[in-house]
Protein backbone atom coordinates (compact mmCIF):
# COMPACT_ATOMS: atom_id res chain seq x y z
CA MET A 1 110.92 95.43 125.00
CA THR A 2 114.79 95.80 124.51
CA ILE A 3 117.39 98.76 122.79
CA LYS A 4 118.77 97.43 119.69
CA PRO A 5 122.43 98.53 118.92
CA LEU A 6 122.65 101.12 116.37
CA ILE A 7 124.64 100.39 113.17
CA ILE A 8 127.37 102.54 112.38
CA LEU A 9 129.37 104.02 109.45
CA PRO A 10 131.41 102.55 107.99
CA ASP A 11 129.30 99.31 108.57
CA PRO A 12 128.32 97.87 105.20
CA LEU A 13 125.16 96.67 106.33
CA LEU A 14 124.21 100.05 106.04
CA ARG A 15 124.76 100.15 102.60
CA GLN A 16 121.96 96.96 101.71
CA VAL A 17 119.76 96.92 100.00
CA SER A 18 115.76 96.20 102.74
CA LYS A 19 113.53 93.43 101.90
CA PRO A 20 109.97 93.95 101.27
CA ILE A 21 107.92 92.49 104.60
CA GLU A 22 105.91 89.52 103.73
CA ARG A 23 103.46 89.46 106.68
CA VAL A 24 102.91 91.12 109.76
CA ASP A 25 103.02 88.75 112.81
CA SER A 26 103.87 89.18 116.66
CA ASP A 27 107.40 88.82 115.75
CA LEU A 28 107.26 91.53 113.48
CA GLN A 29 105.43 93.26 116.43
CA ARG A 30 108.00 92.73 118.72
CA LEU A 31 110.84 94.42 116.71
CA VAL A 32 108.24 97.57 116.31
CA ASP A 33 108.60 97.73 119.50
CA ASP A 34 112.13 96.85 119.94
CA MET A 35 112.75 100.15 117.46
CA LEU A 36 110.63 102.69 118.97
CA GLU A 37 112.43 101.73 122.07
CA THR A 38 115.59 102.55 120.17
CA MET A 39 114.51 105.63 118.30
CA TYR A 40 113.25 107.13 121.99
CA ASP A 41 116.36 105.59 123.92
CA ALA A 42 118.72 106.98 121.39
CA PRO A 43 117.30 110.09 121.10
CA GLY A 44 115.97 110.05 118.27
CA ILE A 45 112.84 111.34 115.08
CA GLY A 46 113.31 108.03 113.31
CA LEU A 47 115.20 104.69 112.86
CA ALA A 48 115.10 102.27 109.78
CA ALA A 49 115.21 98.65 110.32
CA ILE A 50 118.52 98.33 108.87
CA GLN A 51 120.34 100.38 111.59
CA VAL A 52 120.02 97.57 114.21
CA GLY A 53 120.46 95.29 111.71
CA VAL A 54 117.77 94.03 110.39
CA PRO A 55 116.98 94.25 106.45
CA ARG A 56 113.37 94.29 106.32
CA ARG A 57 111.38 97.70 104.54
CA MET A 58 110.30 98.81 107.69
CA LEU A 59 110.85 102.49 109.90
CA VAL A 60 109.59 104.30 112.52
CA ILE A 61 108.73 108.19 113.49
CA ASP A 62 108.11 110.20 115.69
CA VAL A 63 108.20 113.91 115.14
CA SER A 64 106.33 115.25 118.26
CA ARG A 65 107.87 117.43 120.09
CA GLU A 66 109.32 117.22 124.08
CA GLY A 67 106.52 117.62 126.28
CA GLU A 68 104.40 116.90 123.70
CA GLU A 69 102.35 113.15 123.49
CA LYS A 70 104.44 111.20 122.21
CA GLN A 71 103.17 110.08 118.61
CA PRO A 72 105.17 106.64 117.00
CA LEU A 73 104.23 106.31 112.99
CA VAL A 74 104.76 102.97 112.11
CA PHE A 75 105.64 102.25 108.44
CA ILE A 76 106.19 98.47 106.90
CA ASN A 77 106.77 98.96 102.96
CA PRO A 78 106.58 103.06 101.81
CA GLU A 79 106.71 103.87 98.97
CA VAL A 80 106.92 107.33 97.93
CA VAL A 81 104.02 107.62 94.88
CA LYS A 82 104.79 111.73 94.59
CA SER A 83 106.43 114.11 95.30
CA SER A 84 105.70 117.51 95.44
CA ASP A 85 108.58 119.96 92.80
CA GLU A 86 108.94 122.94 95.89
CA ARG A 87 112.25 121.83 98.24
CA SER A 88 112.89 122.51 101.25
CA LEU A 89 116.21 122.84 103.18
CA TYR A 90 116.69 120.78 106.91
CA GLU A 91 119.42 120.29 108.96
CA GLU A 92 119.91 116.54 108.95
CA GLY A 93 121.20 113.98 111.59
CA CYS A 94 121.49 110.30 111.53
CA LEU A 95 121.42 107.91 114.50
CA SER A 96 123.83 105.83 112.64
CA ILE A 97 126.48 108.55 111.96
CA PRO A 98 126.85 110.56 115.15
CA ASP A 99 127.11 113.99 115.71
CA TYR A 100 127.26 114.72 112.49
CA TYR A 101 125.11 117.16 110.95
CA ALA A 102 124.40 118.41 107.13
CA GLU A 103 121.76 120.86 105.95
CA VAL A 104 120.17 118.70 103.21
CA GLU A 105 117.56 119.75 99.78
CA ARG A 106 114.65 117.30 99.86
CA PRO A 107 111.22 117.80 97.89
CA ALA A 108 108.92 119.45 100.77
CA THR A 109 106.05 117.41 100.26
CA ILE A 110 104.94 113.97 99.93
CA GLY A 111 102.83 111.17 99.48
CA VAL A 112 103.66 107.64 100.86
CA LYS A 113 102.00 104.10 100.18
CA TYR A 114 101.93 101.88 103.38
CA LEU A 115 101.33 99.04 105.63
CA ASP A 116 100.56 100.68 109.13
CA ARG A 117 101.31 98.75 112.41
CA ASP A 118 98.90 96.46 111.66
CA GLY A 119 99.30 95.84 108.38
CA LYS A 120 96.45 97.72 106.89
CA GLU A 121 97.47 99.62 104.46
CA GLN A 122 97.67 103.36 104.32
CA LEU A 123 98.86 106.75 102.51
CA ILE A 124 100.10 109.55 103.80
CA ASP A 125 100.47 113.16 102.91
CA ALA A 126 103.29 114.69 105.00
CA ASP A 127 105.36 117.97 104.78
CA GLY A 128 107.90 120.01 106.58
CA LEU A 129 110.21 117.57 109.08
CA LEU A 130 107.74 114.41 108.44
CA ALA A 131 108.31 114.68 105.04
CA THR A 132 111.80 115.38 105.35
CA CYS A 133 112.47 112.21 108.31
CA LEU A 134 110.12 110.23 106.07
CA GLN A 135 112.74 110.39 103.60
CA HIS A 136 115.62 110.55 104.91
CA GLU A 137 114.19 106.90 106.05
CA ILE A 138 113.00 105.13 103.34
CA ASP A 139 116.73 106.17 101.52
CA HIS A 140 117.72 103.68 104.75
CA LEU A 141 115.65 100.81 103.06
CA ASN A 142 117.03 101.84 99.73
CA GLY A 143 121.00 101.82 101.17
CA VAL A 144 121.00 105.50 100.92
CA LEU A 145 122.75 108.17 103.54
CA PHE A 146 121.64 111.63 103.90
CA ILE A 147 125.48 111.88 103.49
CA ASP A 148 125.08 111.20 99.73
CA HIS A 149 123.35 114.03 99.91
CA ILE A 150 125.93 116.55 99.99
CA SER A 151 129.04 117.45 98.39
CA ARG A 152 131.60 114.46 97.62
CA LEU A 153 133.99 116.10 99.58
CA LYS A 154 132.69 116.20 101.77
CA ARG A 155 130.72 113.09 102.32
CA GLU A 156 135.13 111.81 101.39
CA MET A 157 135.30 113.60 104.78
CA VAL A 158 133.23 111.85 107.28
CA ILE A 159 133.64 108.55 105.73
CA LYS A 160 137.18 108.97 106.66
CA LYS A 161 136.18 110.03 109.95
CA PHE A 162 134.43 107.31 111.00
CA THR A 163 136.67 104.59 109.06
CA LYS A 164 139.28 105.97 111.61
CA ALA A 165 137.17 105.61 114.80
CA ALA A 166 135.89 102.28 113.70
CA LYS A 167 139.25 101.39 113.44
CA ALA A 168 140.73 102.64 116.51
CA LYS A 169 137.40 101.57 118.12
CA ALA A 170 138.77 97.68 116.83
CA ILE A 171 141.56 97.67 118.30
């Protein structure tokens, strides 16, 4: 397994819409393992393939608490098929926007259709942190970042800060 470098804001790749995965094979399994290793190393609770430079519709999540047994979940071609009118507010962060957090309001419960690690079709009903994390990562697959859900002023400040940091690093 390999820890992959993370794509960081303002990299335009983060705004790219990911392409569906045609087949689940050993190359994809290797990518899954690398993504899980990268996510745990970061450390994070979710990672979309685009965040490691692969514009494919796949993400990994593990919302188990520290000290609990790891419970990695793999979502290939995930699609939200239902969402509640009830909303929940969570403070979100992102491995591609390090050390920045903001409260985001999203549907409290969702239903997601996807292929699992073995390519079998699954349906999951999610609430709480899992629902928030799934929506956050699926947004990545559509070129949407969690900062797109906050005020324009705050979003512009974050983008400006990361653009300035990227320019300073390039020098």
